[in-house]
Amino acid sequence: MGTLTVLLQLVIGAAVIENSIAISWAVLHLAIGTALFAIVSEARIYLGGRAVVTVSGLKEIRPHGDRKSFY
């Protein structure tokens, strides 16, 4: 779902540039960007800090109560 939203965001963004920033395309581009932000936020809330990707790229599983994962 997130990947599809990113691709749609890119396509509509290109249409915005191609159509000299027509207001209808710009509003659609912003709406899709808002949906993408909601998807990412929802995923972050759902995971809650249990799975954290470290600098080395390895996943580290933390206890649910540990909130040091905002990096």
PDB file of N, CA and C in Angstrom:
ATOM      1  N   MET A   1       0.825  -1.190   0.000  1.00  0.00           N
ATOM      2  CA  MET A   1       0.000   0.000   0.000  1.00  0.00           C
ATOM      3  C   MET A   1       0.874   1.261   0.000  1.00  0.00           C
ATOM      4  N   GLY A   2       1.901   1.258   0.823  1.00  0.00           N
ATOM      5  CA  GLY A   2       2.791   2.414   0.889  1.00  0.00           C
ATOM      6  C   GLY A   2       3.559   2.629  -0.395  1.00  0.00           C
ATOM      7  N   THR A   3       4.025   1.536  -0.998  1.00  0.00           N
ATOM      8  CA  THR A   3       4.780   1.643  -2.247  1.00  0.00           C
ATOM      9  C   THR A   3       3.909   2.188  -3.371  1.00  0.00           C
ATOM     10  N   LEU A   4       2.686   1.722  -3.437  1.00  0.00           N
ATOM     11  CA  LEU A   4       1.755   2.216  -4.451  1.00  0.00           C
ATOM     12  C   LEU A   4       1.484   3.708  -4.255  1.00  0.00           C
ATOM     13  N   THR A   5       1.350   4.121  -3.008  1.00  0.00           N
ATOM     14  CA  THR A   5       1.102   5.538  -2.717  1.00  0.00           C
ATOM     15  C   THR A   5       2.295   6.396  -3.110  1.00  0.00           C
ATOM     16  N   VAL A   6       3.503   5.902  -2.868  1.00  0.00           N
ATOM     17  CA  VAL A   6       4.713   6.646  -3.254  1.00  0.00           C
ATOM     18  C   VAL A   6       4.780   6.783  -4.773  1.00  0.00           C
ATOM     19  N   LEU A   7       4.510   5.703  -5.491  1.00  0.00           N
ATOM     20  CA  LEU A   7       4.534   5.764  -6.956  1.00  0.00           C
ATOM     21  C   LEU A   7       3.475   6.727  -7.492  1.00  0.00           C
ATOM     22  N   LEU A   8       2.288   6.677  -6.906  1.00  0.00           N
ATOM     23  CA  LEU A   8       1.231   7.591  -7.321  1.00  0.00           C
ATOM     24  C   LEU A   8       1.624   9.037  -7.027  1.00  0.00           C
ATOM     25  N   GLN A   9       2.261   9.268  -5.902  1.00  0.00           N
ATOM     26  CA  GLN A   9       2.736  10.601  -5.531  1.00  0.00           C
ATOM     27  C   GLN A   9       3.747  11.107  -6.565  1.00  0.00           C
ATOM     28  N   LEU A  10       4.650  10.243  -7.009  1.00  0.00           N
ATOM     29  CA  LEU A  10       5.646  10.637  -8.006  1.00  0.00           C
ATOM     30  C   LEU A  10       5.000  10.969  -9.349  1.00  0.00           C
ATOM     31  N   VAL A  11       4.060  10.151  -9.774  1.00  0.00           N
ATOM     32  CA  VAL A  11       3.394  10.378 -11.063  1.00  0.00           C
ATOM     33  C   VAL A  11       2.597  11.681 -11.041  1.00  0.00           C
ATOM     34  N   ILE A  12       1.842  11.905  -9.980  1.00  0.00           N
ATOM     35  CA  ILE A  12       1.055  13.138  -9.890  1.00  0.00           C
ATOM     36  C   ILE A  12       1.977  14.343  -9.747  1.00  0.00           C
ATOM     37  N   GLY A  13       3.094  14.188  -9.038  1.00  0.00           N
ATOM     38  CA  GLY A  13       4.065  15.277  -8.930  1.00  0.00           C
ATOM     39  C   GLY A  13       4.633  15.665 -10.282  1.00  0.00           C
ATOM     40  N   ALA A  14       4.909  14.667 -11.114  1.00  0.00           N
ATOM     41  CA  ALA A  14       5.380  14.954 -12.471  1.00  0.00           C
ATOM     42  C   ALA A  14       4.296  15.659 -13.288  1.00  0.00           C
ATOM     43  N   ALA A  15       3.039  15.267 -13.085  1.00  0.00           N
ATOM     44  CA  ALA A  15       1.935  15.918 -13.794  1.00  0.00           C
ATOM     45  C   ALA A  15       1.783  17.371 -13.349  1.00  0.00           C
ATOM     46  N   VAL A  16       2.044  17.639 -12.080  1.00  0.00           N
ATOM     47  CA  VAL A  16       1.980  19.013 -11.580  1.00  0.00           C
ATOM     48  C   VAL A  16       3.018  19.873 -12.300  1.00  0.00           C
ATOM     49  N   ILE A  17       4.223  19.363 -12.422  1.00  0.00           N
ATOM     50  CA  ILE A  17       5.288  20.117 -13.091  1.00  0.00           C
ATOM     51  C   ILE A  17       4.987  20.267 -14.583  1.00  0.00           C
ATOM     52  N   GLU A  18       4.507  19.201 -15.193  1.00  0.00           N
ATOM     53  CA  GLU A  18       4.223  19.211 -16.629  1.00  0.00           C
ATOM     54  C   GLU A  18       3.096  20.191 -16.980  1.00  0.00           C
ATOM     55  N   ASN A  19       2.113  20.321 -16.103  1.00  0.00           N
ATOM     56  CA  ASN A  19       0.958  21.195 -16.364  1.00  0.00           C
ATOM     57  C   ASN A  19       1.133  22.582 -15.758  1.00  0.00           C
ATOM     58  N   SER A  20       2.348  22.997 -15.534  1.00  0.00           N
ATOM     59  CA  SER A  20       2.650  24.321 -14.986  1.00  0.00           C
ATOM     60  C   SER A  20       1.897  24.613 -13.692  1.00  0.00           C
ATOM     61  N   ILE A  21       1.911  23.644 -12.814  1.00  0.00           N
ATOM     62  CA  ILE A  21       1.320  23.748 -11.481  1.00  0.00           C
ATOM     63  C   ILE A  21      -0.160  24.148 -11.547  1.00  0.00           C
ATOM     64  N   ALA A  22      -0.927  23.378 -12.295  1.00  0.00           N
ATOM     65  CA  ALA A  22      -2.381  23.565 -12.323  1.00  0.00           C
ATOM     66  C   ALA A  22      -2.923  23.227 -10.936  1.00  0.00           C
ATOM     67  N   ILE A  23      -3.865  24.011 -10.452  1.00  0.00           N
ATOM     68  CA  ILE A  23      -4.330  23.883  -9.073  1.00  0.00           C
ATOM     69  C   ILE A  23      -4.951  22.518  -8.793  1.00  0.00           C
ATOM     70  N   SER A  24      -5.660  21.949  -9.751  1.00  0.00           N
ATOM     71  CA  SER A  24      -6.291  20.643  -9.510  1.00  0.00           C
ATOM     72  C   SER A  24      -5.242  19.550  -9.305  1.00  0.00           C
ATOM     73  N   TRP A  25      -4.183  19.555 -10.110  1.00  0.00           N
ATOM     74  CA  TRP A  25      -3.113  18.562  -9.939  1.00  0.00           C
ATOM     75  C   TRP A  25      -2.339  18.800  -8.648  1.00  0.00           C
ATOM     76  N   ALA A  26      -2.137  20.071  -8.295  1.00  0.00           N
ATOM     77  CA  ALA A  26      -1.407  20.376  -7.062  1.00  0.00           C
ATOM     78  C   ALA A  26      -2.189  19.923  -5.835  1.00  0.00           C
ATOM     79  N   VAL A  27      -3.505  20.117  -5.837  1.00  0.00           N
ATOM     80  CA  VAL A  27      -4.330  19.670  -4.719  1.00  0.00           C
ATOM     81  C   VAL A  27      -4.318  18.146  -4.620  1.00  0.00           C
ATOM     82  N   LEU A  28      -4.403  17.471  -5.743  1.00  0.00           N
ATOM     83  CA  LEU A  28      -4.335  16.007  -5.740  1.00  0.00           C
ATOM     84  C   LEU A  28      -2.981  15.529  -5.221  1.00  0.00           C
ATOM     85  N   HIS A  29      -1.930  16.196  -5.630  1.00  0.00           N
ATOM     86  CA  HIS A  29      -0.576  15.854  -5.167  1.00  0.00           C
ATOM     87  C   HIS A  29      -0.458  16.016  -3.648  1.00  0.00           C
ATOM     88  N   LEU A  30      -1.012  17.096  -3.110  1.00  0.00           N
ATOM     89  CA  LEU A  30      -0.990  17.308  -1.668  1.00  0.00           C
ATOM     90  C   LEU A  30      -1.858  16.298  -0.924  1.00  0.00           C
ATOM     91  N   ALA A  31      -2.975  15.919  -1.492  1.00  0.00           N
ATOM     92  CA  ALA A  31      -3.847  14.921  -0.856  1.00  0.00           C
ATOM     93  C   ALA A  31      -3.156  13.566  -0.774  1.00  0.00           C
ATOM     94  N   ILE A  32      -2.469  13.190  -1.835  1.00  0.00           N
ATOM     95  CA  ILE A  32      -1.752  11.916  -1.826  1.00  0.00           C
ATOM     96  C   ILE A  32      -0.582  11.975  -0.839  1.00  0.00           C
ATOM     97  N   GLY A  33       0.072  13.127  -0.757  1.00  0.00           N
ATOM     98  CA  GLY A  33       1.146  13.293   0.223  1.00  0.00           C
ATOM     99  C   GLY A  33       0.634  13.165   1.644  1.00  0.00           C
ATOM    100  N   THR A  34      -0.552  13.690   1.903  1.00  0.00           N
ATOM    101  CA  THR A  34      -1.165  13.561   3.216  1.00  0.00           C
ATOM    102  C   THR A  34      -1.508  12.107   3.522  1.00  0.00           C
ATOM    103  N   ALA A  35      -2.016  11.394   2.532  1.00  0.00           N
ATOM    104  CA  ALA A  35      -2.311   9.970   2.715  1.00  0.00           C
ATOM    105  C   ALA A  35      -1.034   9.180   2.989  1.00  0.00           C
ATOM    106  N   LEU A  36       0.042   9.521   2.299  1.00  0.00           N
ATOM    107  CA  LEU A  36       1.316   8.847   2.516  1.00  0.00           C
ATOM    108  C   LEU A  36       1.821   9.093   3.934  1.00  0.00           C
ATOM    109  N   PHE A  37       1.704  10.326   4.403  1.00  0.00           N
ATOM    110  CA  PHE A  37       2.093  10.642   5.771  1.00  0.00           C
ATOM    111  C   PHE A  37       1.260   9.839   6.768  1.00  0.00           C
ATOM    112  N   ALA A  38      -0.036   9.702   6.505  1.00  0.00           N
ATOM    113  CA  ALA A  38      -0.908   8.931   7.389  1.00  0.00           C
ATOM    114  C   ALA A  38      -0.510   7.458   7.422  1.00  0.00           C
ATOM    115  N   ILE A  39      -0.148   6.904   6.279  1.00  0.00           N
ATOM    116  CA  ILE A  39       0.264   5.499   6.213  1.00  0.00           C
ATOM    117  C   ILE A  39       1.544   5.285   7.010  1.00  0.00           C
ATOM    118  N   VAL A  40       2.512   6.172   6.837  1.00  0.00           N
ATOM    119  CA  VAL A  40       3.778   6.044   7.568  1.00  0.00           C
ATOM    120  C   VAL A  40       3.555   6.222   9.068  1.00  0.00           C
ATOM    121  N   SER A  41       2.732   7.190   9.450  1.00  0.00           N
ATOM    122  CA  SER A  41       2.445   7.424  10.867  1.00  0.00           C
ATOM    123  C   SER A  41       1.725   6.232  11.483  1.00  0.00           C
ATOM    124  N   GLU A  42       0.765   5.688  10.772  1.00  0.00           N
ATOM    125  CA  GLU A  42       0.020   4.531  11.260  1.00  0.00           C
ATOM    126  C   GLU A  42       0.949   3.330  11.447  1.00  0.00           C
ATOM    127  N   ALA A  43       1.863   3.130  10.514  1.00  0.00           N
ATOM    128  CA  ALA A  43       2.815   2.026  10.641  1.00  0.00           C
ATOM    129  C   ALA A  43       3.714   2.228  11.844  1.00  0.00           C
ATOM    130  N   ARG A  44       4.140   3.467  12.069  1.00  0.00           N
ATOM    131  CA  ARG A  44       5.000   3.772  13.222  1.00  0.00           C
ATOM    132  C   ARG A  44       4.260   3.539  14.531  1.00  0.00           C
ATOM    133  N   ILE A  45       2.996   3.945  14.599  1.00  0.00           N
ATOM    134  CA  ILE A  45       2.200   3.732  15.805  1.00  0.00           C
ATOM    135  C   ILE A  45       1.950   2.245  16.004  1.00  0.00           C
ATOM    136  N   TYR A  46       1.664   1.530  14.930  1.00  0.00           N
ATOM    137  CA  TYR A  46       1.398   0.096  15.020  1.00  0.00           C
ATOM    138  C   TYR A  46       2.616  -0.663  15.534  1.00  0.00           C
ATOM    139  N   LEU A  47       3.794  -0.330  15.008  1.00  0.00           N
ATOM    140  CA  LEU A  47       5.011  -1.008  15.471  1.00  0.00           C
ATOM    141  C   LEU A  47       5.367  -0.582  16.892  1.00  0.00           C
ATOM    142  N   GLY A  48       5.162   0.664  17.216  1.00  0.00           N
ATOM    143  CA  GLY A  48       5.334   1.149  18.567  1.00  0.00           C
ATOM    144  C   GLY A  48       6.735   1.085  19.113  1.00  0.00           C
ATOM    145  N   GLY A  49       7.728   0.872  18.317  1.00  0.00           N
ATOM    146  CA  GLY A  49       9.095   0.825  18.815  1.00  0.00           C
ATOM    147  C   GLY A  49       9.597  -0.579  19.041  1.00  0.00           C
ATOM    148  N   ARG A  50       8.829  -1.590  18.671  1.00  0.00           N
ATOM    149  CA  ARG A  50       9.281  -2.969  18.865  1.00  0.00           C
ATOM    150  C   ARG A  50      10.378  -3.339  17.882  1.00  0.00           C
ATOM    151  N   ALA A  51      10.253  -2.922  16.643  1.00  0.00           N
ATOM    152  CA  ALA A  51      11.269  -3.229  15.647  1.00  0.00           C
ATOM    153  C   ALA A  51      11.963  -1.934  15.243  1.00  0.00           C
ATOM    154  N   VAL A  52      13.263  -1.878  15.438  1.00  0.00           N
ATOM    155  CA  VAL A  52      14.035  -0.685  15.136  1.00  0.00           C
ATOM    156  C   VAL A  52      15.156  -1.081  14.193  1.00  0.00           C
ATOM    157  N   VAL A  53      15.291  -0.370  13.088  1.00  0.00           N
ATOM    158  CA  VAL A  53      16.393  -0.619  12.171  1.00  0.00           C
ATOM    159  C   VAL A  53      17.576   0.208  12.654  1.00  0.00           C
ATOM    160  N   THR A  54      18.657  -0.470  12.945  1.00  0.00           N
ATOM    161  CA  THR A  54      19.841   0.214  13.458  1.00  0.00           C
ATOM    162  C   THR A  54      20.679   0.744  12.313  1.00  0.00           C
ATOM    163  N   VAL A  55      21.760   1.426  12.639  1.00  0.00           N
ATOM    164  CA  VAL A  55      22.639   2.009  11.630  1.00  0.00           C
ATOM    165  C   VAL A  55      23.222   0.928  10.727  1.00  0.00           C
ATOM    166  N   SER A  56      23.493  -0.235  11.279  1.00  0.00           N
ATOM    167  CA  SER A  56      24.068  -1.319  10.486  1.00  0.00           C
ATOM    168  C   SER A  56      23.038  -1.991   9.589  1.00  0.00           C
ATOM    169  N   GLY A  57      21.757  -1.630   9.742  1.00  0.00           N
ATOM    170  CA  GLY A  57      20.719  -2.216   8.899  1.00  0.00           C
ATOM    171  C   GLY A  57      20.072  -3.444   9.502  1.00  0.00           C
ATOM    172  N   LEU A  58      20.523  -3.862  10.683  1.00  0.00           N
ATOM    173  CA  LEU A  58      19.950  -5.032  11.330  1.00  0.00           C
ATOM    174  C   LEU A  58      18.759  -4.625  12.176  1.00  0.00           C
ATOM    175  N   LYS A  59      17.786  -5.505  12.264  1.00  0.00           N
ATOM    176  CA  LYS A  59      16.614  -5.202  13.086  1.00  0.00           C
ATOM    177  C   LYS A  59      16.890  -5.597  14.525  1.00  0.00           C
ATOM    178  N   GLU A  60      16.498  -4.731  15.402  1.00  0.00           N
ATOM    179  CA  GLU A  60      16.659  -4.962  16.830  1.00  0.00           C
ATOM    180  C   GLU A  60      15.269  -4.942  17.449  1.00  0.00           C
ATOM    181  N   ILE A  61      14.915  -6.003  18.145  1.00  0.00           N
ATOM    182  CA  ILE A  61      13.604  -6.082  18.772  1.00  0.00           C
ATOM    183  C   ILE A  61      13.735  -5.579  20.202  1.00  0.00           C
ATOM    184  N   ARG A  62      12.910  -4.603  20.547  1.00  0.00           N
ATOM    185  CA  ARG A  62      12.946  -4.012  21.882  1.00  0.00           C
ATOM    186  C   ARG A  62      11.649  -4.311  22.603  1.00  0.00           C
ATOM    187  N   PRO A  63      11.683  -4.298  23.921  1.00  0.00           N
ATOM    188  CA  PRO A  63      10.441  -4.470  24.675  1.00  0.00           C
ATOM    189  C   PRO A  63       9.463  -3.343  24.370  1.00  0.00           C
ATOM    190  N   HIS A  64       8.208  -3.618  24.519  1.00  0.00           N
ATOM    191  CA  HIS A  64       7.179  -2.638  24.150  1.00  0.00           C
ATOM    192  C   HIS A  64       7.273  -1.349  24.956  1.00  0.00           C
ATOM    193  N   GLY A  65       7.702  -1.405  26.188  1.00  0.00           N
ATOM    194  CA  GLY A  65       7.753  -0.223  27.023  1.00  0.00           C
ATOM    195  C   GLY A  65       8.947   0.670  26.769  1.00  0.00           C
ATOM    196  N   ASP A  66       9.914   0.229  25.996  1.00  0.00           N
ATOM    197  CA  ASP A  66      11.124   1.006  25.742  1.00  0.00           C
ATOM    198  C   ASP A  66      10.866   1.990  24.612  1.00  0.00           C
ATOM    199  N   ARG A  67      10.871   3.287  24.907  1.00  0.00           N
ATOM    200  CA  ARG A  67      10.540   4.302  23.909  1.00  0.00           C
ATOM    201  C   ARG A  67      11.781   5.073  23.450  1.00  0.00           C
ATOM    202  N   LYS A  68      12.916   4.416  23.333  1.00  0.00           N
ATOM    203  CA  LYS A  68      14.121   5.090  22.861  1.00  0.00           C
ATOM    204  C   LYS A  68      14.316   4.897  21.359  1.00  0.00           C
ATOM    205  N   SER A  69      13.242   4.634  20.611  1.00  0.00           N
ATOM    206  CA  SER A  69      13.384   4.265  19.207  1.00  0.00           C
ATOM    207  C   SER A  69      13.082   5.381  18.237  1.00  0.00           C
ATOM    208  N   PHE A  70      13.059   6.635  18.683  1.00  0.00           N
ATOM    209  CA  PHE A  70      12.764   7.736  17.777  1.00  0.00           C
ATOM    210  C   PHE A  70      14.024   8.312  17.178  1.00  0.00           C
ATOM    211  N   TYR A  71      14.855   7.520  16.583  1.00  0.00           N
ATOM    212  CA  TYR A  71      16.051   7.990  15.877  1.00  0.00           C
ATOM    213  C   TYR A  71      16.127   7.366  14.542  1.00  0.00           C
TER     214      TYR A  71
END
